[in-house]
Amino acid sequence: MAFHETRFPTAISRGAQGGPERRTDVVVLGSGYEERNSRWASSRRSYNAGYGVRSLEALHEVIAFFEERRGRFHGFRWRDHADWKSGPPGAVPTPLDQVIGIGNGAALTFQLKKTYGVSHAPFVRDIKKPVAGTVKIAVAGITKTSGTHFSVNADTGLVTFAGGQAPADGALVTAGFEFDVPVRFDTDKLEINLSGFQSGAIPSIPVVEIRL
């Protein structure tokens, strides 16, 4: 298996349905109190691309994409239109959007991250598939220049500072970016009834996030 650095058709994913999922075990005791255990440290996103298929042309595009990925075999990029930037969806990313690390005077490599929540139990999500050319970096509030001060691996989300550019001890390293979700099809079989499709039926095309 492999990961194909190509994005599922954006016009189709815009109409998809889905979002993050967590796994929590809830046990209700005889007293009526509950015990809860979170089985996953991180959420996992899933989508149904079928909701975005509105024409036979779009359906044909999905079939071609599915065949090239060999069904569930190869992963690919997915644009989650509800959550695809370091800041709010309607805002332009800035280099101050997200804290991705604190310098120690020696470390040169930092993973892109996005934090959800502020006060109680913020969730920090590693961003492994940034969109090339969109990553902005600042150190201690000072914007750095891509290609001069740092480089970004768009396949892994790793930011690497050039030699001699290591962030100083205690300096906040922040970033702004656009990103995709690494996913795969969650089926090896597309069941499509053209007569039903033309009558308004929605084909089921499940897509699920993968860990990298």
N, C-alpha and C. Protein backbone atom coordinates (compact mmCIF):
# COMPACT_ATOMS: atom_id res chain seq x y z
N MET A 1 0.86 -1.19 0.00
CA MET A 1 0.00 0.00 0.00
C MET A 1 0.89 1.23 0.00
N ALA A 2 0.32 2.37 -0.37
CA ALA A 2 1.07 3.62 -0.42
C ALA A 2 0.11 4.75 -0.15
N PHE A 3 0.68 5.94 -0.02
CA PHE A 3 -0.15 7.12 0.12
C PHE A 3 0.06 7.96 -1.13
N HIS A 4 -1.02 8.25 -1.84
CA HIS A 4 -0.94 9.05 -3.06
C HIS A 4 -1.15 10.52 -2.69
N GLU A 5 -0.16 11.34 -3.00
CA GLU A 5 -0.24 12.76 -2.68
C GLU A 5 -1.12 13.49 -3.70
N THR A 6 -2.37 13.10 -3.70
CA THR A 6 -3.35 13.74 -4.58
C THR A 6 -4.63 13.92 -3.78
N ARG A 7 -5.38 14.96 -4.08
CA ARG A 7 -6.58 15.28 -3.31
C ARG A 7 -7.84 14.78 -4.02
N PHE A 8 -8.74 14.21 -3.25
CA PHE A 8 -10.06 13.84 -3.76
C PHE A 8 -10.70 15.10 -4.36
N PRO A 9 -11.46 14.97 -5.46
CA PRO A 9 -12.04 16.15 -6.11
C PRO A 9 -12.74 17.09 -5.12
N THR A 10 -12.24 18.30 -5.04
CA THR A 10 -12.70 19.26 -4.03
C THR A 10 -14.16 19.65 -4.22
N ALA A 11 -14.60 19.77 -5.46
CA ALA A 11 -15.99 20.16 -5.71
C ALA A 11 -16.96 19.10 -5.19
N ILE A 12 -16.52 17.85 -5.16
CA ILE A 12 -17.38 16.77 -4.67
C ILE A 12 -17.32 16.68 -3.16
N SER A 13 -16.11 16.80 -2.58
CA SER A 13 -15.99 16.71 -1.12
C SER A 13 -16.71 17.87 -0.42
N ARG A 14 -16.92 18.98 -1.13
CA ARG A 14 -17.63 20.12 -0.54
C ARG A 14 -19.05 19.73 -0.12
N GLY A 15 -19.65 18.81 -0.82
CA GLY A 15 -21.01 18.41 -0.48
C GLY A 15 -21.09 17.16 0.39
N ALA A 16 -19.94 16.64 0.82
CA ALA A 16 -19.91 15.42 1.62
C ALA A 16 -20.43 15.66 3.03
N GLN A 17 -20.73 14.57 3.71
CA GLN A 17 -21.22 14.64 5.09
C GLN A 17 -20.26 13.86 5.98
N GLY A 18 -19.98 14.39 7.16
CA GLY A 18 -19.09 13.68 8.07
C GLY A 18 -18.40 14.62 9.03
N GLY A 19 -17.45 14.05 9.82
CA GLY A 19 -16.73 14.85 10.81
C GLY A 19 -15.98 13.95 11.77
N PRO A 20 -15.50 14.51 12.89
CA PRO A 20 -14.70 13.73 13.84
C PRO A 20 -15.52 12.74 14.66
N GLU A 21 -14.86 11.65 15.03
CA GLU A 21 -15.49 10.61 15.85
C GLU A 21 -14.53 10.23 16.96
N ARG A 22 -15.08 9.93 18.13
CA ARG A 22 -14.29 9.41 19.24
C ARG A 22 -14.92 8.13 19.77
N ARG A 23 -14.16 7.35 20.51
CA ARG A 23 -14.65 6.11 21.09
C ARG A 23 -14.59 6.23 22.62
N THR A 24 -15.76 6.24 23.24
CA THR A 24 -15.85 6.36 24.69
C THR A 24 -16.70 5.23 25.25
N ASP A 25 -16.13 4.48 26.20
CA ASP A 25 -16.89 3.44 26.90
C ASP A 25 -17.59 4.07 28.09
N VAL A 26 -18.89 3.86 28.19
CA VAL A 26 -19.67 4.41 29.31
C VAL A 26 -20.32 3.25 30.06
N VAL A 27 -19.99 3.15 31.35
CA VAL A 27 -20.58 2.10 32.20
C VAL A 27 -21.43 2.78 33.26
N VAL A 28 -22.73 2.43 33.30
CA VAL A 28 -23.64 2.99 34.30
C VAL A 28 -23.65 2.04 35.48
N LEU A 29 -23.23 2.54 36.64
CA LEU A 29 -23.17 1.73 37.85
C LEU A 29 -24.56 1.58 38.47
N GLY A 30 -24.68 0.64 39.39
CA GLY A 30 -25.96 0.40 40.04
C GLY A 30 -26.47 1.62 40.78
N SER A 31 -25.55 2.49 41.19
CA SER A 31 -25.93 3.70 41.91
C SER A 31 -26.46 4.79 40.98
N GLY A 32 -26.29 4.56 39.67
CA GLY A 32 -26.71 5.58 38.71
C GLY A 32 -25.57 6.46 38.25
N TYR A 33 -24.44 6.40 38.95
CA TYR A 33 -23.26 7.14 38.51
C TYR A 33 -22.64 6.46 37.29
N GLU A 34 -21.82 7.19 36.58
CA GLU A 34 -21.18 6.66 35.38
C GLU A 34 -19.67 6.60 35.54
N GLU A 35 -19.09 5.62 34.85
CA GLU A 35 -17.65 5.59 34.65
C GLU A 35 -17.39 5.65 33.16
N ARG A 36 -16.54 6.57 32.74
CA ARG A 36 -16.29 6.77 31.32
C ARG A 36 -14.80 6.61 31.02
N ASN A 37 -14.52 5.94 29.93
CA ASN A 37 -13.14 5.72 29.52
C ASN A 37 -12.99 6.03 28.04
N SER A 38 -12.05 6.90 27.71
CA SER A 38 -11.80 7.26 26.32
C SER A 38 -10.81 6.26 25.72
N ARG A 39 -11.26 5.52 24.71
CA ARG A 39 -10.42 4.48 24.12
C ARG A 39 -9.42 5.03 23.11
N TRP A 40 -9.72 6.17 22.51
CA TRP A 40 -8.83 6.78 21.53
C TRP A 40 -8.26 8.07 22.09
N ALA A 41 -6.94 8.24 21.97
CA ALA A 41 -6.31 9.49 22.40
C ALA A 41 -6.65 10.61 21.43
N SER A 42 -6.85 10.26 20.17
CA SER A 42 -7.15 11.26 19.14
C SER A 42 -8.45 10.91 18.44
N SER A 43 -9.13 11.90 17.95
CA SER A 43 -10.35 11.66 17.18
C SER A 43 -9.99 11.11 15.80
N ARG A 44 -10.97 10.54 15.14
CA ARG A 44 -10.79 10.02 13.78
C ARG A 44 -11.96 10.50 12.95
N ARG A 45 -11.66 11.06 11.79
CA ARG A 45 -12.71 11.63 10.95
C ARG A 45 -13.18 10.63 9.90
N SER A 46 -14.45 10.69 9.60
CA SER A 46 -15.02 9.86 8.54
C SER A 46 -16.04 10.69 7.77
N TYR A 47 -16.22 10.33 6.51
CA TYR A 47 -17.08 11.12 5.62
C TYR A 47 -17.83 10.18 4.68
N ASN A 48 -18.92 10.69 4.11
CA ASN A 48 -19.61 10.00 3.03
C ASN A 48 -19.57 10.91 1.82
N ALA A 49 -18.70 10.55 0.87
CA ALA A 49 -18.53 11.39 -0.33
C ALA A 49 -19.75 11.35 -1.23
N GLY A 50 -20.62 10.37 -1.04
CA GLY A 50 -21.78 10.24 -1.91
C GLY A 50 -22.68 11.45 -1.89
N TYR A 51 -22.71 12.18 -0.75
CA TYR A 51 -23.57 13.35 -0.65
C TYR A 51 -23.11 14.48 -1.58
N GLY A 52 -21.86 14.41 -2.03
CA GLY A 52 -21.36 15.44 -2.92
C GLY A 52 -21.49 15.11 -4.39
N VAL A 53 -21.97 13.91 -4.70
CA VAL A 53 -22.12 13.49 -6.09
C VAL A 53 -23.48 13.95 -6.60
N ARG A 54 -23.49 14.93 -7.50
CA ARG A 54 -24.76 15.51 -7.96
C ARG A 54 -24.99 15.31 -9.45
N SER A 55 -24.06 14.66 -10.13
CA SER A 55 -24.22 14.47 -11.57
C SER A 55 -23.52 13.19 -11.98
N LEU A 56 -23.86 12.70 -13.17
CA LEU A 56 -23.19 11.50 -13.69
C LEU A 56 -21.72 11.78 -13.96
N GLU A 57 -21.40 13.01 -14.34
CA GLU A 57 -20.01 13.37 -14.56
C GLU A 57 -19.20 13.27 -13.27
N ALA A 58 -19.78 13.75 -12.17
CA ALA A 58 -19.11 13.66 -10.87
C ALA A 58 -18.97 12.21 -10.44
N LEU A 59 -20.00 11.41 -10.71
CA LEU A 59 -19.96 9.99 -10.38
C LEU A 59 -18.84 9.30 -11.14
N HIS A 60 -18.72 9.62 -12.42
CA HIS A 60 -17.65 9.04 -13.23
C HIS A 60 -16.28 9.44 -12.68
N GLU A 61 -16.14 10.67 -12.21
CA GLU A 61 -14.87 11.15 -11.64
C GLU A 61 -14.52 10.37 -10.38
N VAL A 62 -15.52 10.10 -9.55
CA VAL A 62 -15.29 9.34 -8.32
C VAL A 62 -14.89 7.90 -8.64
N ILE A 63 -15.55 7.29 -9.62
CA ILE A 63 -15.22 5.91 -9.98
C ILE A 63 -13.77 5.83 -10.45
N ALA A 64 -13.34 6.79 -11.27
CA ALA A 64 -11.96 6.79 -11.75
C ALA A 64 -10.99 6.97 -10.59
N PHE A 65 -11.33 7.84 -9.66
CA PHE A 65 -10.47 8.08 -8.50
C PHE A 65 -10.40 6.82 -7.63
N PHE A 66 -11.54 6.17 -7.44
CA PHE A 66 -11.63 4.93 -6.65
C PHE A 66 -10.77 3.83 -7.27
N GLU A 67 -10.87 3.67 -8.57
CA GLU A 67 -10.11 2.62 -9.25
C GLU A 67 -8.60 2.87 -9.16
N GLU A 68 -8.20 4.12 -9.32
CA GLU A 68 -6.78 4.44 -9.25
C GLU A 68 -6.22 4.20 -7.85
N ARG A 69 -7.06 4.37 -6.82
CA ARG A 69 -6.63 4.10 -5.45
C ARG A 69 -6.73 2.62 -5.10
N ARG A 70 -7.27 1.82 -6.01
CA ARG A 70 -7.48 0.38 -5.77
C ARG A 70 -8.38 0.15 -4.55
N GLY A 71 -9.46 0.91 -4.47
CA GLY A 71 -10.37 0.77 -3.35
C GLY A 71 -9.72 1.25 -2.06
N ARG A 72 -9.67 0.39 -1.06
CA ARG A 72 -9.13 0.76 0.25
C ARG A 72 -7.61 0.74 0.31
N PHE A 73 -6.95 0.34 -0.76
CA PHE A 73 -5.52 0.03 -0.70
C PHE A 73 -4.64 1.26 -0.52
N HIS A 74 -4.85 2.31 -1.30
CA HIS A 74 -3.99 3.49 -1.24
C HIS A 74 -4.71 4.66 -0.57
N GLY A 75 -3.97 5.38 0.26
CA GLY A 75 -4.51 6.57 0.90
C GLY A 75 -4.42 7.78 -0.03
N PHE A 76 -5.09 8.86 0.37
CA PHE A 76 -5.09 10.08 -0.44
C PHE A 76 -5.48 11.27 0.44
N ARG A 77 -5.39 12.45 -0.10
CA ARG A 77 -5.75 13.68 0.62
C ARG A 77 -7.24 13.99 0.48
N TRP A 78 -7.78 14.61 1.53
CA TRP A 78 -9.19 14.98 1.55
C TRP A 78 -9.32 16.39 2.13
N ARG A 79 -10.08 17.25 1.48
CA ARG A 79 -10.35 18.58 2.00
C ARG A 79 -11.61 18.54 2.85
N ASP A 80 -11.44 18.75 4.16
CA ASP A 80 -12.58 18.86 5.07
C ASP A 80 -12.99 20.33 5.07
N HIS A 81 -14.08 20.65 4.40
CA HIS A 81 -14.45 22.04 4.19
C HIS A 81 -14.91 22.74 5.46
N ALA A 82 -15.10 21.98 6.54
CA ALA A 82 -15.45 22.59 7.82
C ALA A 82 -14.21 22.88 8.67
N ASP A 83 -13.06 22.29 8.28
CA ASP A 83 -11.87 22.42 9.11
C ASP A 83 -10.63 22.16 8.26
N TRP A 84 -10.11 23.21 7.62
CA TRP A 84 -8.97 23.01 6.72
C TRP A 84 -7.92 24.12 6.81
N LYS A 85 -8.02 24.94 7.86
CA LYS A 85 -7.06 26.01 8.06
C LYS A 85 -6.61 26.05 9.52
N SER A 86 -5.49 26.73 9.76
CA SER A 86 -4.98 26.87 11.12
C SER A 86 -5.87 27.76 11.97
N GLY A 87 -6.65 28.60 11.33
CA GLY A 87 -7.60 29.46 12.03
C GLY A 87 -9.02 29.16 11.56
N PRO A 88 -9.95 30.07 11.77
CA PRO A 88 -11.32 29.87 11.29
C PRO A 88 -11.36 29.70 9.77
N PRO A 89 -12.33 28.91 9.25
CA PRO A 89 -12.40 28.66 7.80
C PRO A 89 -12.45 29.92 6.94
N GLY A 90 -13.04 31.00 7.45
CA GLY A 90 -13.16 32.21 6.66
C GLY A 90 -11.99 33.16 6.77
N ALA A 91 -11.01 32.81 7.62
CA ALA A 91 -9.88 33.71 7.84
C ALA A 91 -8.65 33.28 7.05
N VAL A 92 -7.83 34.24 6.68
CA VAL A 92 -6.57 33.94 6.01
C VAL A 92 -5.55 33.52 7.06
N PRO A 93 -4.87 32.38 6.88
CA PRO A 93 -3.88 31.93 7.87
C PRO A 93 -2.80 32.98 8.10
N THR A 94 -2.41 33.13 9.36
CA THR A 94 -1.31 34.03 9.71
C THR A 94 -0.24 33.22 10.44
N PRO A 95 1.00 33.67 10.47
CA PRO A 95 2.06 32.91 11.14
C PRO A 95 1.91 32.83 12.65
N LEU A 96 0.90 33.50 13.20
CA LEU A 96 0.70 33.49 14.66
C LEU A 96 -0.48 32.61 15.08
N ASP A 97 -1.07 31.88 14.15
CA ASP A 97 -2.31 31.14 14.43
C ASP A 97 -2.14 30.04 15.49
N GLN A 98 -1.10 29.20 15.34
CA GLN A 98 -0.96 28.02 16.18
C GLN A 98 0.45 27.92 16.76
N VAL A 99 0.54 27.56 18.04
CA VAL A 99 1.84 27.29 18.65
C VAL A 99 2.23 25.85 18.30
N ILE A 100 3.40 25.68 17.68
CA ILE A 100 3.84 24.33 17.30
C ILE A 100 5.06 23.88 18.10
N GLY A 101 5.58 24.74 18.96
CA GLY A 101 6.71 24.34 19.78
C GLY A 101 7.34 25.52 20.50
N ILE A 102 8.32 25.18 21.34
CA ILE A 102 9.10 26.18 22.07
C ILE A 102 10.57 25.89 21.82
N GLY A 103 11.30 26.87 21.38
CA GLY A 103 12.70 26.68 21.06
C GLY A 103 13.55 26.37 22.29
N ASN A 104 14.65 25.66 22.05
CA ASN A 104 15.61 25.41 23.12
C ASN A 104 17.04 25.80 22.70
N GLY A 105 17.12 26.49 21.56
CA GLY A 105 18.41 26.93 21.08
C GLY A 105 19.13 25.92 20.22
N ALA A 106 18.58 24.68 20.15
CA ALA A 106 19.24 23.62 19.38
C ALA A 106 18.30 22.92 18.41
N ALA A 107 17.03 22.70 18.82
CA ALA A 107 16.09 21.96 17.98
C ALA A 107 15.81 22.70 16.68
N LEU A 108 15.87 21.96 15.59
CA LEU A 108 15.62 22.54 14.27
C LEU A 108 14.31 22.09 13.64
N THR A 109 13.73 20.99 14.15
CA THR A 109 12.56 20.40 13.52
C THR A 109 11.34 20.47 14.44
N PHE A 110 10.21 20.89 13.88
CA PHE A 110 8.96 21.00 14.64
C PHE A 110 7.81 20.45 13.78
N GLN A 111 6.89 19.73 14.43
CA GLN A 111 5.72 19.19 13.75
C GLN A 111 4.60 20.24 13.73
N LEU A 112 3.97 20.45 12.58
CA LEU A 112 2.81 21.33 12.53
C LEU A 112 1.70 20.75 13.40
N LYS A 113 1.00 21.62 14.12
CA LYS A 113 -0.06 21.19 15.03
C LYS A 113 -1.21 22.19 14.99
N LYS A 114 -2.37 21.70 15.38
CA LYS A 114 -3.53 22.57 15.56
C LYS A 114 -4.17 22.23 16.88
N THR A 115 -4.44 23.25 17.72
CA THR A 115 -5.01 23.03 19.05
C THR A 115 -6.48 23.41 19.05
N TYR A 116 -7.31 22.53 19.61
CA TYR A 116 -8.75 22.75 19.72
C TYR A 116 -9.10 22.95 21.19
N GLY A 117 -9.78 24.06 21.50
CA GLY A 117 -10.12 24.36 22.87
C GLY A 117 -9.05 25.20 23.54
N VAL A 118 -9.42 25.75 24.72
CA VAL A 118 -8.50 26.67 25.39
C VAL A 118 -8.34 26.34 26.88
N SER A 119 -9.43 26.24 27.60
CA SER A 119 -9.36 26.27 29.06
C SER A 119 -9.31 24.91 29.75
N HIS A 120 -10.15 23.97 29.34
CA HIS A 120 -10.36 22.78 30.15
C HIS A 120 -9.47 21.60 29.77
N ALA A 121 -9.55 21.16 28.55
CA ALA A 121 -8.73 20.01 28.11
C ALA A 121 -8.44 20.16 26.63
N PRO A 122 -7.60 21.13 26.26
CA PRO A 122 -7.32 21.35 24.83
C PRO A 122 -6.79 20.09 24.16
N PHE A 123 -7.24 19.86 22.94
CA PHE A 123 -6.78 18.72 22.15
C PHE A 123 -5.82 19.21 21.09
N VAL A 124 -4.62 18.63 21.06
CA VAL A 124 -3.60 19.03 20.10
C VAL A 124 -3.51 17.97 19.00
N ARG A 125 -3.76 18.39 17.79
CA ARG A 125 -3.79 17.48 16.63
C ARG A 125 -2.56 17.71 15.76
N ASP A 126 -1.83 16.64 15.48
CA ASP A 126 -0.71 16.74 14.55
C ASP A 126 -1.23 16.92 13.13
N ILE A 127 -0.66 17.85 12.41
CA ILE A 127 -1.05 18.10 11.02
C ILE A 127 0.02 17.50 10.12
N LYS A 128 -0.32 16.40 9.45
CA LYS A 128 0.65 15.65 8.65
C LYS A 128 0.59 15.98 7.17
N LYS A 129 -0.50 16.65 6.73
CA LYS A 129 -0.65 16.91 5.30
C LYS A 129 -0.97 18.39 5.03
N PRO A 130 -0.01 19.27 5.30
CA PRO A 130 -0.24 20.68 4.97
C PRO A 130 -0.28 20.87 3.46
N VAL A 131 -0.92 21.93 3.03
CA VAL A 131 -0.96 22.26 1.61
C VAL A 131 0.33 23.01 1.26
N ALA A 132 1.04 22.51 0.27
CA ALA A 132 2.32 23.11 -0.13
C ALA A 132 2.14 24.59 -0.47
N GLY A 133 3.07 25.40 0.02
CA GLY A 133 3.06 26.82 -0.28
C GLY A 133 2.20 27.67 0.62
N THR A 134 1.50 27.05 1.59
CA THR A 134 0.61 27.83 2.46
C THR A 134 1.16 28.03 3.87
N VAL A 135 2.25 27.35 4.21
CA VAL A 135 2.75 27.38 5.59
C VAL A 135 3.53 28.67 5.86
N LYS A 136 3.13 29.35 6.95
CA LYS A 136 3.80 30.56 7.40
C LYS A 136 4.33 30.31 8.81
N ILE A 137 5.55 30.75 9.09
CA ILE A 137 6.18 30.48 10.37
C ILE A 137 6.66 31.77 11.01
N ALA A 138 6.53 31.84 12.34
CA ALA A 138 7.08 32.95 13.10
C ALA A 138 7.78 32.41 14.33
N VAL A 139 8.82 33.08 14.76
CA VAL A 139 9.54 32.74 15.99
C VAL A 139 9.54 33.98 16.87
N ALA A 140 9.00 33.83 18.08
CA ALA A 140 8.88 34.95 19.01
C ALA A 140 8.16 36.13 18.35
N GLY A 141 7.18 35.81 17.50
CA GLY A 141 6.36 36.83 16.86
C GLY A 141 6.96 37.44 15.61
N ILE A 142 8.15 37.01 15.23
CA ILE A 142 8.82 37.55 14.05
C ILE A 142 8.67 36.57 12.89
N THR A 143 8.07 37.01 11.79
CA THR A 143 7.83 36.14 10.64
C THR A 143 9.14 35.73 9.97
N LYS A 144 9.23 34.45 9.66
CA LYS A 144 10.41 33.91 8.99
C LYS A 144 10.11 33.66 7.51
N THR A 145 11.17 33.54 6.72
CA THR A 145 11.02 33.39 5.27
C THR A 145 11.25 31.94 4.85
N SER A 146 10.25 31.39 4.15
CA SER A 146 10.38 30.03 3.64
C SER A 146 11.50 29.96 2.61
N GLY A 147 12.31 28.92 2.71
CA GLY A 147 13.42 28.74 1.79
C GLY A 147 14.70 29.39 2.26
N THR A 148 14.57 30.37 3.16
CA THR A 148 15.75 31.03 3.73
C THR A 148 15.96 30.62 5.18
N HIS A 149 14.89 30.79 5.98
CA HIS A 149 14.98 30.44 7.40
C HIS A 149 14.48 29.02 7.69
N PHE A 150 13.57 28.52 6.88
CA PHE A 150 12.98 27.20 7.16
C PHE A 150 12.47 26.57 5.87
N SER A 151 12.23 25.26 5.95
CA SER A 151 11.57 24.53 4.87
C SER A 151 10.48 23.66 5.47
N VAL A 152 9.52 23.26 4.64
CA VAL A 152 8.40 22.44 5.10
C VAL A 152 8.28 21.21 4.23
N ASN A 153 8.14 20.06 4.86
CA ASN A 153 7.87 18.83 4.13
C ASN A 153 6.35 18.68 4.04
N ALA A 154 5.78 18.91 2.87
CA ALA A 154 4.33 18.86 2.70
C ALA A 154 3.77 17.45 2.83
N ASP A 155 4.64 16.43 2.79
CA ASP A 155 4.19 15.05 2.93
C ASP A 155 4.08 14.61 4.39
N THR A 156 4.77 15.32 5.31
CA THR A 156 4.81 14.91 6.71
C THR A 156 4.38 16.01 7.68
N GLY A 157 4.39 17.26 7.25
CA GLY A 157 4.06 18.36 8.14
C GLY A 157 5.21 18.79 9.03
N LEU A 158 6.43 18.36 8.73
CA LEU A 158 7.59 18.73 9.53
C LEU A 158 8.20 20.04 9.02
N VAL A 159 8.41 20.96 9.95
CA VAL A 159 9.07 22.23 9.65
C VAL A 159 10.51 22.11 10.11
N THR A 160 11.46 22.38 9.22
CA THR A 160 12.88 22.28 9.56
C THR A 160 13.55 23.63 9.34
N PHE A 161 14.16 24.15 10.41
CA PHE A 161 14.88 25.41 10.31
C PHE A 161 16.27 25.17 9.74
N ALA A 162 16.77 26.14 9.00
CA ALA A 162 18.10 26.04 8.41
C ALA A 162 19.16 26.10 9.50
N GLY A 163 20.34 25.60 9.19
CA GLY A 163 21.44 25.65 10.13
C GLY A 163 21.71 27.07 10.59
N GLY A 164 21.88 27.22 11.89
CA GLY A 164 22.09 28.55 12.44
C GLY A 164 20.82 29.33 12.70
N GLN A 165 19.66 28.73 12.37
CA GLN A 165 18.37 29.41 12.56
C GLN A 165 17.53 28.78 13.66
N ALA A 166 18.12 27.93 14.50
CA ALA A 166 17.36 27.28 15.57
C ALA A 166 16.71 28.32 16.47
N PRO A 167 15.40 28.18 16.75
CA PRO A 167 14.72 29.13 17.64
C PRO A 167 15.41 29.19 19.01
N ALA A 168 15.54 30.38 19.54
CA ALA A 168 16.22 30.58 20.82
C ALA A 168 15.47 29.90 21.96
N ASP A 169 16.17 29.66 23.05
CA ASP A 169 15.59 29.00 24.21
C ASP A 169 14.39 29.81 24.72
N GLY A 170 13.24 29.14 24.81
CA GLY A 170 12.03 29.78 25.30
C GLY A 170 11.22 30.52 24.26
N ALA A 171 11.71 30.61 23.02
CA ALA A 171 11.00 31.35 21.98
C ALA A 171 9.82 30.52 21.44
N LEU A 172 8.65 31.12 21.36
CA LEU A 172 7.48 30.43 20.81
C LEU A 172 7.62 30.31 19.29
N VAL A 173 7.41 29.09 18.81
CA VAL A 173 7.39 28.84 17.37
C VAL A 173 5.93 28.70 16.96
N THR A 174 5.44 29.54 16.09
CA THR A 174 4.04 29.54 15.69
C THR A 174 3.91 29.37 14.18
N ALA A 175 2.71 28.97 13.76
CA ALA A 175 2.52 28.68 12.33
C ALA A 175 1.09 28.96 11.91
N GLY A 176 0.94 29.24 10.63
CA GLY A 176 -0.35 29.33 9.97
C GLY A 176 -0.28 28.50 8.70
N PHE A 177 -1.38 27.86 8.32
CA PHE A 177 -1.32 26.94 7.18
C PHE A 177 -2.72 26.50 6.76
N GLU A 178 -2.79 25.93 5.57
CA GLU A 178 -3.94 25.16 5.12
C GLU A 178 -3.52 23.69 5.17
N PHE A 179 -4.49 22.79 5.30
CA PHE A 179 -4.12 21.38 5.39
C PHE A 179 -5.23 20.47 4.87
N ASP A 180 -4.83 19.25 4.53
CA ASP A 180 -5.76 18.20 4.13
C ASP A 180 -5.77 17.10 5.18
N VAL A 181 -6.76 16.22 5.10
CA VAL A 181 -6.86 15.06 5.99
C VAL A 181 -6.39 13.83 5.22
N PRO A 182 -5.47 13.02 5.79
CA PRO A 182 -5.08 11.78 5.12
C PRO A 182 -6.18 10.73 5.30
N VAL A 183 -6.69 10.19 4.22
CA VAL A 183 -7.83 9.26 4.28
C VAL A 183 -7.64 8.10 3.31
N ARG A 184 -8.58 7.18 3.36
CA ARG A 184 -8.70 6.11 2.37
C ARG A 184 -10.18 5.83 2.19
N PHE A 185 -10.53 5.15 1.11
CA PHE A 185 -11.90 4.67 0.98
C PHE A 185 -12.13 3.60 2.03
N ASP A 186 -13.33 3.56 2.59
CA ASP A 186 -13.65 2.55 3.60
C ASP A 186 -14.51 1.44 3.02
N THR A 187 -14.31 1.18 1.74
CA THR A 187 -14.99 0.08 1.08
C THR A 187 -14.18 -0.34 -0.14
N ASP A 188 -14.30 -1.59 -0.50
CA ASP A 188 -13.67 -2.07 -1.73
C ASP A 188 -14.70 -2.27 -2.83
N LYS A 189 -15.93 -1.81 -2.57
CA LYS A 189 -17.01 -2.04 -3.53
C LYS A 189 -17.92 -0.82 -3.59
N LEU A 190 -18.07 -0.25 -4.78
CA LEU A 190 -19.02 0.84 -4.98
C LEU A 190 -20.30 0.26 -5.59
N GLU A 191 -21.39 0.40 -4.88
CA GLU A 191 -22.68 -0.08 -5.38
C GLU A 191 -23.47 1.12 -5.88
N ILE A 192 -23.65 1.19 -7.18
CA ILE A 192 -24.30 2.34 -7.80
C ILE A 192 -25.45 1.86 -8.68
N ASN A 193 -26.63 2.35 -8.39
CA ASN A 193 -27.81 2.06 -9.18
C ASN A 193 -28.16 3.32 -9.96
N LEU A 194 -27.90 3.31 -11.27
CA LEU A 194 -28.10 4.52 -12.05
C LEU A 194 -29.55 4.98 -12.06
N SER A 195 -30.48 4.06 -12.09
CA SER A 195 -31.88 4.47 -12.10
C SER A 195 -32.23 5.14 -10.78
N GLY A 196 -31.71 4.59 -9.69
CA GLY A 196 -31.95 5.22 -8.39
C GLY A 196 -31.24 6.54 -8.27
N PHE A 197 -30.02 6.62 -8.81
CA PHE A 197 -29.24 7.85 -8.76
C PHE A 197 -29.96 8.97 -9.50
N GLN A 198 -30.50 8.67 -10.66
CA GLN A 198 -31.21 9.68 -11.45
C GLN A 198 -32.51 10.11 -10.78
N SER A 199 -32.99 9.28 -9.84
CA SER A 199 -34.22 9.63 -9.13
C SER A 199 -33.93 10.38 -7.83
N GLY A 200 -32.66 10.61 -7.56
CA GLY A 200 -32.29 11.37 -6.36
C GLY A 200 -31.64 10.55 -5.27
N ALA A 201 -31.47 9.24 -5.47
CA ALA A 201 -30.83 8.41 -4.45
C ALA A 201 -29.35 8.77 -4.35
N ILE A 202 -28.82 8.73 -3.13
CA ILE A 202 -27.43 9.10 -2.90
C ILE A 202 -26.58 7.84 -2.76
N PRO A 203 -25.56 7.67 -3.60
CA PRO A 203 -24.69 6.50 -3.45
C PRO A 203 -23.86 6.62 -2.18
N SER A 204 -23.56 5.49 -1.56
CA SER A 204 -22.74 5.49 -0.35
C SER A 204 -21.28 5.33 -0.75
N ILE A 205 -20.46 6.32 -0.43
CA ILE A 205 -19.04 6.29 -0.75
C ILE A 205 -18.28 6.67 0.52
N PRO A 206 -18.08 5.71 1.45
CA PRO A 206 -17.46 6.02 2.73
C PRO A 206 -15.96 6.26 2.61
N VAL A 207 -15.51 7.26 3.35
CA VAL A 207 -14.09 7.64 3.41
C VAL A 207 -13.72 7.78 4.87
N VAL A 208 -12.53 7.28 5.26
CA VAL A 208 -12.15 7.32 6.68
C VAL A 208 -10.71 7.81 6.82
N GLU A 209 -10.46 8.58 7.87
CA GLU A 209 -9.12 9.10 8.16
C GLU A 209 -8.18 7.95 8.52
N ILE A 210 -6.91 8.08 8.13
CA ILE A 210 -5.91 7.08 8.47
C ILE A 210 -4.81 7.73 9.31
N ARG A 211 -4.19 6.92 10.18
CA ARG A 211 -3.09 7.39 11.01
C ARG A 211 -1.79 7.28 10.22
N LEU A 212 -0.97 8.30 10.29
CA LEU A 212 0.31 8.28 9.61
C LEU A 212 1.43 8.53 10.61
